[in-house]
C-alpha cells in the first residue's frame, strides 16, 4: 500500500496539469498563410455566445431601403456587419478575440455579373481578424446565396464566440 500512495498523488497531480491545459480553447492553424483556422477545440467548461445573422446598416440615406447602393459594396457591407458583431459581443462581455466560428452568406454582386465579391469580403475580414490589435483567426465558412431577406443586402454573418474565463 505504501507505493500506492505516492503513485496516486503523482496521478492526481498529473491529472490536474492535464485538466488545466485542457480548459483552454485551442485554435488549430490552417494552411501556411491562411487567414482562417482549420478548426477550434473548445473545452466543456467554455461559455458560448451564438449571434444571429447580422446584416449591414445603410451606408447612406439617399437610396431606397432595398437598393444595394444604400448599403454599399460587399466590403462596405461586411465592415458594417463586423462593427455590429463587435458591439453585440461587447454588450455581452465578449470581444472579437473570443469569436471561434463565422458563417458568411454573400449574395452575388450585380456589379460583378452576379458573382460573390469574396475579395471585398476578405478585405473587410482582415481589418478585424488576424491584426496586430486582434490576432485571433476563426474557423469560417463562406457561401454564395441567391438572396437575403432584403434585396439590398449583399452580406449576412453569423458568429459564435466562446471563452473559458
N, C-alpha and C. Protein backbone atom coordinates (compact mmCIF):
# COMPACT_ATOMS: atom_id res chain seq x y z
N UNK A 1 0.80 -1.20 0.00
CA UNK A 1 0.00 0.00 0.00
C UNK A 1 0.84 1.27 0.00
N UNK A 2 2.05 1.18 0.59
CA UNK A 2 2.89 2.36 0.63
C UNK A 2 3.20 2.89 -0.76
N UNK A 3 3.49 2.04 -1.68
CA UNK A 3 3.82 2.51 -3.03
C UNK A 3 2.60 3.06 -3.75
N UNK A 4 1.42 2.67 -3.32
CA UNK A 4 0.21 3.15 -3.96
C UNK A 4 -0.01 4.65 -3.68
N UNK A 5 0.25 5.11 -2.46
CA UNK A 5 0.00 6.50 -2.08
C UNK A 5 0.81 7.47 -2.93
N UNK A 6 2.15 7.30 -3.06
CA UNK A 6 2.88 8.24 -3.92
C UNK A 6 2.42 8.17 -5.38
N UNK A 7 2.10 6.96 -5.83
CA UNK A 7 1.65 6.82 -7.21
C UNK A 7 0.31 7.54 -7.41
N UNK A 8 -0.60 7.42 -6.46
CA UNK A 8 -1.89 8.09 -6.55
C UNK A 8 -1.70 9.60 -6.53
N UNK A 9 -0.81 10.08 -5.68
CA UNK A 9 -0.55 11.52 -5.62
C UNK A 9 0.03 12.01 -6.94
N UNK A 10 0.93 11.22 -7.51
CA UNK A 10 1.52 11.59 -8.79
C UNK A 10 0.45 11.63 -9.88
N UNK A 11 -0.44 10.66 -9.89
CA UNK A 11 -1.52 10.64 -10.88
C UNK A 11 -2.46 11.83 -10.71
N UNK A 12 -2.78 12.17 -9.46
CA UNK A 12 -3.65 13.32 -9.21
C UNK A 12 -3.00 14.61 -9.68
N UNK A 13 -1.71 14.77 -9.42
CA UNK A 13 -1.05 16.00 -9.86
C UNK A 13 -0.97 16.04 -11.38
N UNK A 14 -0.75 14.91 -12.02
CA UNK A 14 -0.72 14.85 -13.48
C UNK A 14 -2.08 15.16 -14.06
N UNK A 15 -3.13 14.62 -13.44
CA UNK A 15 -4.50 14.89 -13.89
C UNK A 15 -4.81 16.38 -13.78
N UNK A 16 -4.37 17.00 -12.68
CA UNK A 16 -4.60 18.43 -12.52
C UNK A 16 -3.91 19.23 -13.60
N UNK A 17 -2.69 18.83 -13.97
CA UNK A 17 -1.95 19.55 -15.01
C UNK A 17 -2.62 19.39 -16.36
N UNK A 18 -3.07 18.18 -16.65
CA UNK A 18 -3.74 17.94 -17.93
C UNK A 18 -5.05 18.69 -17.97
N UNK A 19 -5.79 18.68 -16.88
CA UNK A 19 -7.07 19.34 -16.81
C UNK A 19 -6.93 20.85 -17.01
N UNK A 20 -5.92 21.45 -16.39
CA UNK A 20 -5.73 22.89 -16.55
C UNK A 20 -5.43 23.22 -18.00
N UNK A 21 -4.62 22.38 -18.64
CA UNK A 21 -4.30 22.62 -20.05
C UNK A 21 -5.52 22.39 -20.94
N UNK A 22 -6.33 21.39 -20.61
CA UNK A 22 -7.48 21.04 -21.43
C UNK A 22 -8.58 22.09 -21.36
N UNK A 23 -8.52 23.00 -20.40
CA UNK A 23 -9.56 24.00 -20.24
C UNK A 23 -9.40 25.19 -21.20
N UNK A 24 -8.33 25.22 -21.94
CA UNK A 24 -8.09 26.32 -22.86
C UNK A 24 -8.73 26.05 -24.21
N UNK A 25 -9.16 27.10 -24.87
CA UNK A 25 -9.63 27.00 -26.25
C UNK A 25 -8.39 26.89 -27.13
N UNK A 26 -8.38 25.90 -28.00
CA UNK A 26 -7.23 25.67 -28.86
C UNK A 26 -7.63 25.99 -30.30
N UNK A 27 -6.87 26.87 -30.91
CA UNK A 27 -7.10 27.27 -32.30
C UNK A 27 -6.11 26.52 -33.17
N UNK A 28 -6.62 25.73 -34.12
CA UNK A 28 -5.77 24.91 -34.98
C UNK A 28 -5.53 25.67 -36.28
N UNK A 29 -4.28 26.06 -36.55
CA UNK A 29 -3.97 26.87 -37.73
C UNK A 29 -4.37 26.17 -39.03
N UNK A 30 -4.72 26.97 -40.00
CA UNK A 30 -4.99 26.46 -41.34
C UNK A 30 -3.67 26.31 -42.08
N UNK A 31 -3.76 26.21 -43.38
CA UNK A 31 -2.55 26.11 -44.21
C UNK A 31 -1.69 27.36 -44.00
N UNK A 32 -0.41 27.25 -44.29
CA UNK A 32 0.51 28.38 -44.12
C UNK A 32 -0.05 29.61 -44.81
N UNK A 33 -0.12 30.70 -44.07
CA UNK A 33 -0.60 31.96 -44.62
C UNK A 33 -2.11 32.08 -44.73
N UNK A 34 -2.85 31.05 -44.31
CA UNK A 34 -4.31 31.09 -44.40
C UNK A 34 -4.89 32.10 -43.41
N UNK A 35 -5.88 32.88 -43.82
CA UNK A 35 -6.49 33.85 -42.92
C UNK A 35 -7.57 33.22 -42.02
N UNK A 36 -7.76 31.89 -42.13
CA UNK A 36 -8.75 31.22 -41.29
C UNK A 36 -8.11 30.00 -40.64
N UNK A 37 -8.77 29.49 -39.63
CA UNK A 37 -8.29 28.31 -38.92
C UNK A 37 -8.79 27.04 -39.59
N UNK A 38 -8.07 25.96 -39.36
CA UNK A 38 -8.55 24.65 -39.79
C UNK A 38 -9.68 24.20 -38.88
N UNK A 39 -9.64 24.61 -37.61
CA UNK A 39 -10.67 24.25 -36.65
C UNK A 39 -10.34 24.80 -35.28
N UNK A 40 -11.25 24.55 -34.34
CA UNK A 40 -11.11 25.03 -32.98
C UNK A 40 -11.56 23.92 -32.04
N UNK A 41 -10.79 23.70 -30.96
CA UNK A 41 -11.21 22.77 -29.92
C UNK A 41 -11.65 23.60 -28.72
N UNK A 42 -12.88 23.37 -28.28
CA UNK A 42 -13.44 24.13 -27.17
C UNK A 42 -13.75 23.16 -26.03
N UNK A 43 -13.21 23.43 -24.84
CA UNK A 43 -13.45 22.52 -23.71
C UNK A 43 -14.88 22.61 -23.19
N UNK A 44 -15.26 21.60 -22.45
CA UNK A 44 -16.64 21.51 -21.93
C UNK A 44 -16.99 22.66 -21.00
N UNK A 45 -16.00 23.26 -20.34
CA UNK A 45 -16.30 24.32 -19.38
C UNK A 45 -16.45 25.70 -20.04
N UNK A 46 -16.38 25.79 -21.34
CA UNK A 46 -16.48 27.08 -22.03
C UNK A 46 -17.93 27.58 -22.03
N UNK A 47 -18.05 28.88 -22.09
CA UNK A 47 -19.35 29.53 -22.24
C UNK A 47 -19.42 30.05 -23.67
N UNK A 48 -20.53 29.76 -24.33
CA UNK A 48 -20.72 30.15 -25.73
C UNK A 48 -21.68 31.32 -25.84
N UNK A 49 -21.50 32.08 -26.91
CA UNK A 49 -22.45 33.10 -27.31
C UNK A 49 -22.67 32.92 -28.81
N UNK A 50 -23.90 32.66 -29.19
CA UNK A 50 -24.27 32.49 -30.60
C UNK A 50 -25.00 33.74 -31.05
N UNK A 51 -24.44 34.42 -32.03
CA UNK A 51 -25.11 35.61 -32.57
C UNK A 51 -25.88 35.22 -33.83
N UNK A 52 -27.10 35.70 -33.91
CA UNK A 52 -27.89 35.50 -35.11
C UNK A 52 -27.22 36.22 -36.27
N UNK A 53 -27.65 35.87 -37.47
CA UNK A 53 -27.10 36.53 -38.65
C UNK A 53 -27.29 38.03 -38.58
N UNK A 54 -26.21 38.75 -38.81
CA UNK A 54 -26.24 40.22 -38.79
C UNK A 54 -26.12 40.74 -40.21
N UNK A 55 -26.86 41.79 -40.49
CA UNK A 55 -26.87 42.41 -41.81
C UNK A 55 -26.39 43.85 -41.69
N UNK A 56 -26.01 44.47 -42.80
CA UNK A 56 -25.42 45.81 -42.73
C UNK A 56 -26.43 46.90 -42.41
N UNK A 57 -25.90 47.98 -41.88
CA UNK A 57 -26.66 49.22 -41.73
C UNK A 57 -26.50 50.01 -43.01
N UNK A 58 -27.44 50.91 -43.30
CA UNK A 58 -27.28 51.73 -44.51
C UNK A 58 -25.98 52.53 -44.46
N UNK A 59 -25.29 52.57 -45.58
CA UNK A 59 -24.05 53.36 -45.69
C UNK A 59 -24.38 54.82 -45.97
N UNK A 60 -25.56 55.04 -46.54
CA UNK A 60 -26.04 56.39 -46.81
C UNK A 60 -27.56 56.37 -46.75
N UNK A 61 -28.15 57.52 -46.65
CA UNK A 61 -29.61 57.61 -46.55
C UNK A 61 -30.23 58.14 -47.82
N UNK A 62 -29.52 58.03 -48.93
CA UNK A 62 -30.04 58.61 -50.17
C UNK A 62 -30.78 57.62 -51.04
N UNK A 63 -30.56 56.32 -50.84
CA UNK A 63 -31.18 55.32 -51.70
C UNK A 63 -32.39 54.67 -51.07
N UNK A 64 -33.05 53.86 -51.85
CA UNK A 64 -34.19 53.10 -51.37
C UNK A 64 -33.71 52.02 -50.40
N UNK A 65 -34.56 51.63 -49.43
CA UNK A 65 -34.14 50.62 -48.46
C UNK A 65 -33.82 49.25 -49.06
N UNK A 66 -34.23 49.00 -50.28
CA UNK A 66 -33.94 47.70 -50.92
C UNK A 66 -32.87 47.80 -52.00
N UNK A 67 -32.25 48.96 -52.14
CA UNK A 67 -31.23 49.18 -53.16
C UNK A 67 -29.85 48.87 -52.59
N UNK A 68 -29.08 47.97 -53.23
CA UNK A 68 -27.73 47.68 -52.73
C UNK A 68 -26.86 48.93 -52.57
N UNK A 69 -27.08 49.95 -53.39
CA UNK A 69 -26.29 51.18 -53.30
C UNK A 69 -26.49 51.86 -51.95
N UNK A 70 -27.64 51.65 -51.32
CA UNK A 70 -27.91 52.22 -50.00
C UNK A 70 -26.97 51.64 -48.95
N UNK A 71 -26.55 50.41 -49.14
CA UNK A 71 -25.73 49.71 -48.16
C UNK A 71 -24.26 49.63 -48.56
N UNK A 72 -23.96 49.92 -49.81
CA UNK A 72 -22.58 49.90 -50.28
C UNK A 72 -22.20 48.56 -50.88
N UNK A 73 -20.96 48.48 -51.29
CA UNK A 73 -20.44 47.24 -51.90
C UNK A 73 -20.20 46.19 -50.82
N UNK A 74 -19.74 45.04 -51.22
CA UNK A 74 -19.53 43.93 -50.28
C UNK A 74 -18.58 44.31 -49.15
N UNK A 75 -17.48 44.96 -49.46
CA UNK A 75 -16.53 45.35 -48.41
C UNK A 75 -17.19 46.30 -47.41
N UNK A 76 -17.91 47.30 -47.92
CA UNK A 76 -18.59 48.27 -47.04
C UNK A 76 -19.61 47.56 -46.16
N UNK A 77 -20.39 46.66 -46.77
CA UNK A 77 -21.40 45.95 -46.00
C UNK A 77 -20.77 45.02 -44.96
N UNK A 78 -19.72 44.30 -45.34
CA UNK A 78 -19.07 43.39 -44.40
C UNK A 78 -18.46 44.18 -43.23
N UNK A 79 -17.86 45.32 -43.52
CA UNK A 79 -17.30 46.17 -42.46
C UNK A 79 -18.40 46.59 -41.49
N UNK A 80 -19.55 46.99 -42.02
CA UNK A 80 -20.69 47.38 -41.20
C UNK A 80 -21.14 46.21 -40.31
N UNK A 81 -21.21 45.02 -40.89
CA UNK A 81 -21.64 43.85 -40.13
C UNK A 81 -20.63 43.52 -39.03
N UNK A 82 -19.34 43.57 -39.34
CA UNK A 82 -18.33 43.27 -38.31
C UNK A 82 -18.39 44.29 -37.18
N UNK A 83 -18.69 45.53 -37.48
CA UNK A 83 -18.85 46.53 -36.42
C UNK A 83 -20.06 46.19 -35.53
N UNK A 84 -21.15 45.75 -36.15
CA UNK A 84 -22.33 45.33 -35.37
C UNK A 84 -21.98 44.14 -34.48
N UNK A 85 -21.30 43.16 -35.04
CA UNK A 85 -20.91 41.98 -34.28
C UNK A 85 -20.02 42.38 -33.10
N UNK A 86 -19.07 43.27 -33.34
CA UNK A 86 -18.20 43.76 -32.28
C UNK A 86 -19.01 44.39 -31.15
N UNK A 87 -19.98 45.24 -31.49
CA UNK A 87 -20.81 45.90 -30.48
C UNK A 87 -21.67 44.89 -29.72
N UNK A 88 -22.25 43.92 -30.42
CA UNK A 88 -23.07 42.90 -29.75
C UNK A 88 -22.22 42.05 -28.81
N UNK A 89 -21.02 41.70 -29.23
CA UNK A 89 -20.12 40.93 -28.37
C UNK A 89 -19.78 41.73 -27.11
N UNK A 90 -19.40 42.98 -27.29
CA UNK A 90 -19.02 43.83 -26.15
C UNK A 90 -20.18 43.97 -25.16
N UNK A 91 -21.40 44.07 -25.67
CA UNK A 91 -22.58 44.20 -24.79
C UNK A 91 -22.76 42.97 -23.91
N UNK A 92 -22.22 41.83 -24.32
CA UNK A 92 -22.32 40.60 -23.55
C UNK A 92 -21.02 40.24 -22.84
N UNK A 93 -20.03 41.15 -22.87
CA UNK A 93 -18.77 40.92 -22.19
C UNK A 93 -17.77 40.09 -22.98
N UNK A 94 -17.99 39.96 -24.28
CA UNK A 94 -17.07 39.22 -25.16
C UNK A 94 -16.33 40.23 -26.05
N UNK A 95 -15.33 39.72 -26.78
CA UNK A 95 -14.61 40.55 -27.74
C UNK A 95 -14.52 39.79 -29.07
N UNK A 96 -14.05 40.46 -30.09
CA UNK A 96 -13.81 39.79 -31.37
C UNK A 96 -12.79 38.66 -31.20
N UNK A 97 -11.90 38.80 -30.24
CA UNK A 97 -10.91 37.76 -29.97
C UNK A 97 -11.52 36.47 -29.44
N UNK A 98 -12.76 36.54 -28.97
CA UNK A 98 -13.46 35.35 -28.48
C UNK A 98 -14.22 34.62 -29.58
N UNK A 99 -14.31 35.21 -30.76
CA UNK A 99 -15.03 34.57 -31.86
C UNK A 99 -14.25 33.34 -32.31
N UNK A 100 -14.96 32.22 -32.44
CA UNK A 100 -14.30 30.98 -32.88
C UNK A 100 -14.81 30.52 -34.24
N UNK A 101 -16.00 30.98 -34.66
CA UNK A 101 -16.59 30.50 -35.91
C UNK A 101 -17.47 31.58 -36.53
N UNK A 102 -17.31 31.75 -37.83
CA UNK A 102 -18.18 32.64 -38.61
C UNK A 102 -18.81 31.83 -39.73
N UNK A 103 -20.07 32.09 -39.98
CA UNK A 103 -20.73 31.57 -41.18
C UNK A 103 -21.14 32.80 -41.96
N UNK A 104 -20.63 32.89 -43.19
CA UNK A 104 -20.79 34.08 -44.02
C UNK A 104 -21.63 33.75 -45.24
N UNK A 105 -22.65 34.58 -45.46
CA UNK A 105 -23.52 34.44 -46.62
C UNK A 105 -23.31 35.65 -47.51
N UNK A 106 -22.89 35.43 -48.73
CA UNK A 106 -22.67 36.51 -49.68
C UNK A 106 -23.62 36.34 -50.86
N UNK A 107 -24.25 37.44 -51.25
CA UNK A 107 -25.09 37.47 -52.44
C UNK A 107 -24.20 37.91 -53.59
N UNK A 108 -24.47 37.40 -54.77
CA UNK A 108 -23.72 37.84 -55.94
C UNK A 108 -23.89 39.33 -56.16
N UNK A 109 -22.79 40.01 -56.36
CA UNK A 109 -22.80 41.46 -56.56
C UNK A 109 -23.23 41.77 -57.99
N UNK A 110 -24.29 42.57 -58.18
CA UNK A 110 -24.72 42.92 -59.54
C UNK A 110 -23.60 43.56 -60.36
N UNK A 111 -22.72 44.30 -59.70
CA UNK A 111 -21.59 44.94 -60.39
C UNK A 111 -20.52 43.96 -60.84
N UNK A 112 -20.59 42.71 -60.36
CA UNK A 112 -19.62 41.67 -60.74
C UNK A 112 -20.30 40.55 -61.53
N UNK A 113 -21.37 40.90 -62.19
CA UNK A 113 -22.07 39.90 -63.00
C UNK A 113 -22.74 38.82 -62.17
N UNK A 114 -23.11 39.13 -60.95
CA UNK A 114 -23.80 38.18 -60.09
C UNK A 114 -22.87 37.24 -59.33
N UNK A 115 -21.56 37.48 -59.37
CA UNK A 115 -20.62 36.65 -58.62
C UNK A 115 -20.35 37.29 -57.26
N UNK A 116 -20.10 36.45 -56.27
CA UNK A 116 -19.78 36.99 -54.95
C UNK A 116 -18.47 37.77 -55.00
N UNK A 117 -18.41 38.84 -54.22
CA UNK A 117 -17.19 39.63 -54.13
C UNK A 117 -16.40 39.12 -52.93
N UNK A 118 -15.77 37.95 -53.09
CA UNK A 118 -15.02 37.35 -51.99
C UNK A 118 -13.84 38.23 -51.59
N UNK A 119 -13.21 38.84 -52.56
CA UNK A 119 -12.05 39.70 -52.25
C UNK A 119 -12.48 40.89 -51.39
N UNK A 120 -13.60 41.51 -51.72
CA UNK A 120 -14.11 42.62 -50.91
C UNK A 120 -14.43 42.17 -49.50
N UNK A 121 -15.07 41.00 -49.38
CA UNK A 121 -15.36 40.47 -48.06
C UNK A 121 -14.06 40.21 -47.29
N UNK A 122 -13.10 39.59 -47.95
CA UNK A 122 -11.84 39.24 -47.29
C UNK A 122 -11.10 40.49 -46.81
N UNK A 123 -11.18 41.56 -47.58
CA UNK A 123 -10.53 42.81 -47.15
C UNK A 123 -11.15 43.31 -45.84
N UNK A 124 -12.47 43.25 -45.74
CA UNK A 124 -13.14 43.67 -44.51
C UNK A 124 -12.77 42.74 -43.35
N UNK A 125 -12.84 41.44 -43.59
CA UNK A 125 -12.49 40.44 -42.56
C UNK A 125 -11.10 40.72 -42.01
N UNK A 126 -10.15 41.02 -42.89
CA UNK A 126 -8.75 41.24 -42.49
C UNK A 126 -8.55 42.49 -41.65
N UNK A 127 -9.55 43.36 -41.61
CA UNK A 127 -9.47 44.54 -40.75
C UNK A 127 -9.85 44.21 -39.31
N UNK A 128 -10.49 43.05 -39.09
CA UNK A 128 -10.99 42.70 -37.77
C UNK A 128 -10.35 41.45 -37.17
N UNK A 129 -9.80 40.57 -38.00
CA UNK A 129 -9.23 39.31 -37.54
C UNK A 129 -7.82 39.14 -38.09
N UNK A 130 -6.92 38.66 -37.22
CA UNK A 130 -5.53 38.46 -37.62
C UNK A 130 -4.76 39.76 -37.71
N UNK A 131 -5.16 40.74 -36.93
CA UNK A 131 -4.48 42.04 -36.92
C UNK A 131 -3.54 42.12 -35.72
N UNK A 132 -2.74 43.15 -35.67
CA UNK A 132 -1.86 43.34 -34.51
C UNK A 132 -2.69 43.53 -33.24
N UNK A 133 -3.79 44.26 -33.34
CA UNK A 133 -4.65 44.51 -32.18
C UNK A 133 -5.55 43.35 -31.80
N UNK A 134 -5.87 42.50 -32.76
CA UNK A 134 -6.74 41.34 -32.52
C UNK A 134 -6.22 40.20 -33.39
N UNK A 135 -5.21 39.48 -32.90
CA UNK A 135 -4.51 38.49 -33.72
C UNK A 135 -5.25 37.17 -33.96
N UNK A 136 -6.34 36.91 -33.22
CA UNK A 136 -7.01 35.63 -33.37
C UNK A 136 -7.69 35.49 -34.72
N UNK A 137 -7.55 34.31 -35.30
CA UNK A 137 -8.28 33.94 -36.52
C UNK A 137 -9.45 33.07 -36.09
N UNK A 138 -10.35 32.76 -37.02
CA UNK A 138 -11.53 31.96 -36.71
C UNK A 138 -11.70 30.84 -37.73
N UNK A 139 -12.46 29.83 -37.35
CA UNK A 139 -12.93 28.85 -38.32
C UNK A 139 -14.05 29.56 -39.09
N UNK A 140 -14.16 29.29 -40.37
CA UNK A 140 -15.11 30.08 -41.16
C UNK A 140 -15.62 29.30 -42.36
N UNK A 141 -16.87 29.51 -42.69
CA UNK A 141 -17.46 29.03 -43.94
C UNK A 141 -18.02 30.25 -44.66
N UNK A 142 -17.80 30.31 -45.96
CA UNK A 142 -18.32 31.41 -46.77
C UNK A 142 -19.03 30.81 -47.97
N UNK A 143 -20.30 31.17 -48.13
CA UNK A 143 -21.08 30.62 -49.23
C UNK A 143 -21.81 31.73 -49.97
N UNK A 144 -22.03 31.52 -51.26
CA UNK A 144 -22.85 32.45 -52.02
C UNK A 144 -24.28 31.93 -51.98
N UNK A 145 -25.20 32.84 -51.72
CA UNK A 145 -26.62 32.51 -51.68
C UNK A 145 -27.35 33.31 -52.75
N UNK A 146 -28.53 32.84 -53.12
CA UNK A 146 -29.31 33.51 -54.16
C UNK A 146 -29.81 34.87 -53.70
N UNK A 147 -30.19 34.98 -52.43
CA UNK A 147 -30.74 36.24 -51.93
C UNK A 147 -30.76 36.22 -50.41
N UNK A 148 -30.86 37.40 -49.83
CA UNK A 148 -31.07 37.55 -48.39
C UNK A 148 -32.43 38.22 -48.19
N UNK A 149 -32.81 38.47 -46.95
CA UNK A 149 -34.14 39.00 -46.64
C UNK A 149 -34.44 40.33 -47.32
N UNK A 150 -33.44 41.17 -47.48
CA UNK A 150 -33.59 42.46 -48.15
C UNK A 150 -32.77 42.42 -49.43
N UNK A 151 -33.36 42.76 -50.57
CA UNK A 151 -32.59 42.72 -51.83
C UNK A 151 -31.37 43.64 -51.84
N UNK A 152 -31.29 44.58 -50.90
CA UNK A 152 -30.14 45.46 -50.82
C UNK A 152 -28.95 44.85 -50.10
N UNK A 153 -29.18 43.78 -49.37
CA UNK A 153 -28.10 43.15 -48.61
C UNK A 153 -27.26 42.24 -49.50
N UNK A 154 -25.95 42.40 -49.41
CA UNK A 154 -25.01 41.51 -50.08
C UNK A 154 -24.31 40.58 -49.08
N UNK A 155 -24.45 40.89 -47.77
CA UNK A 155 -23.71 40.18 -46.73
C UNK A 155 -24.60 39.93 -45.51
N UNK A 156 -24.49 38.71 -44.98
CA UNK A 156 -25.05 38.37 -43.67
C UNK A 156 -24.04 37.45 -42.99
N UNK A 157 -23.78 37.70 -41.71
CA UNK A 157 -22.76 36.91 -40.99
C UNK A 157 -23.30 36.47 -39.64
N UNK A 158 -23.17 35.16 -39.37
CA UNK A 158 -23.45 34.60 -38.05
C UNK A 158 -22.11 34.42 -37.34
N UNK A 159 -22.09 34.65 -36.03
CA UNK A 159 -20.85 34.49 -35.27
C UNK A 159 -21.09 33.63 -34.03
N UNK A 160 -20.10 32.82 -33.71
CA UNK A 160 -20.10 32.05 -32.47
C UNK A 160 -18.84 32.43 -31.70
N UNK A 161 -19.03 32.80 -30.44
CA UNK A 161 -17.91 33.14 -29.58
C UNK A 161 -17.89 32.16 -28.42
N UNK A 162 -16.71 31.94 -27.86
CA UNK A 162 -16.57 31.08 -26.68
C UNK A 162 -15.43 31.60 -25.83
N UNK A 163 -15.56 31.38 -24.53
CA UNK A 163 -14.48 31.76 -23.62
C UNK A 163 -14.50 30.88 -22.38
N UNK A 164 -13.38 30.79 -21.74
CA UNK A 164 -13.27 29.97 -20.54
C UNK A 164 -12.98 30.80 -19.30
N UNK A 165 -12.93 32.09 -19.39
CA UNK A 165 -12.63 32.93 -18.22
C UNK A 165 -13.84 33.11 -17.35
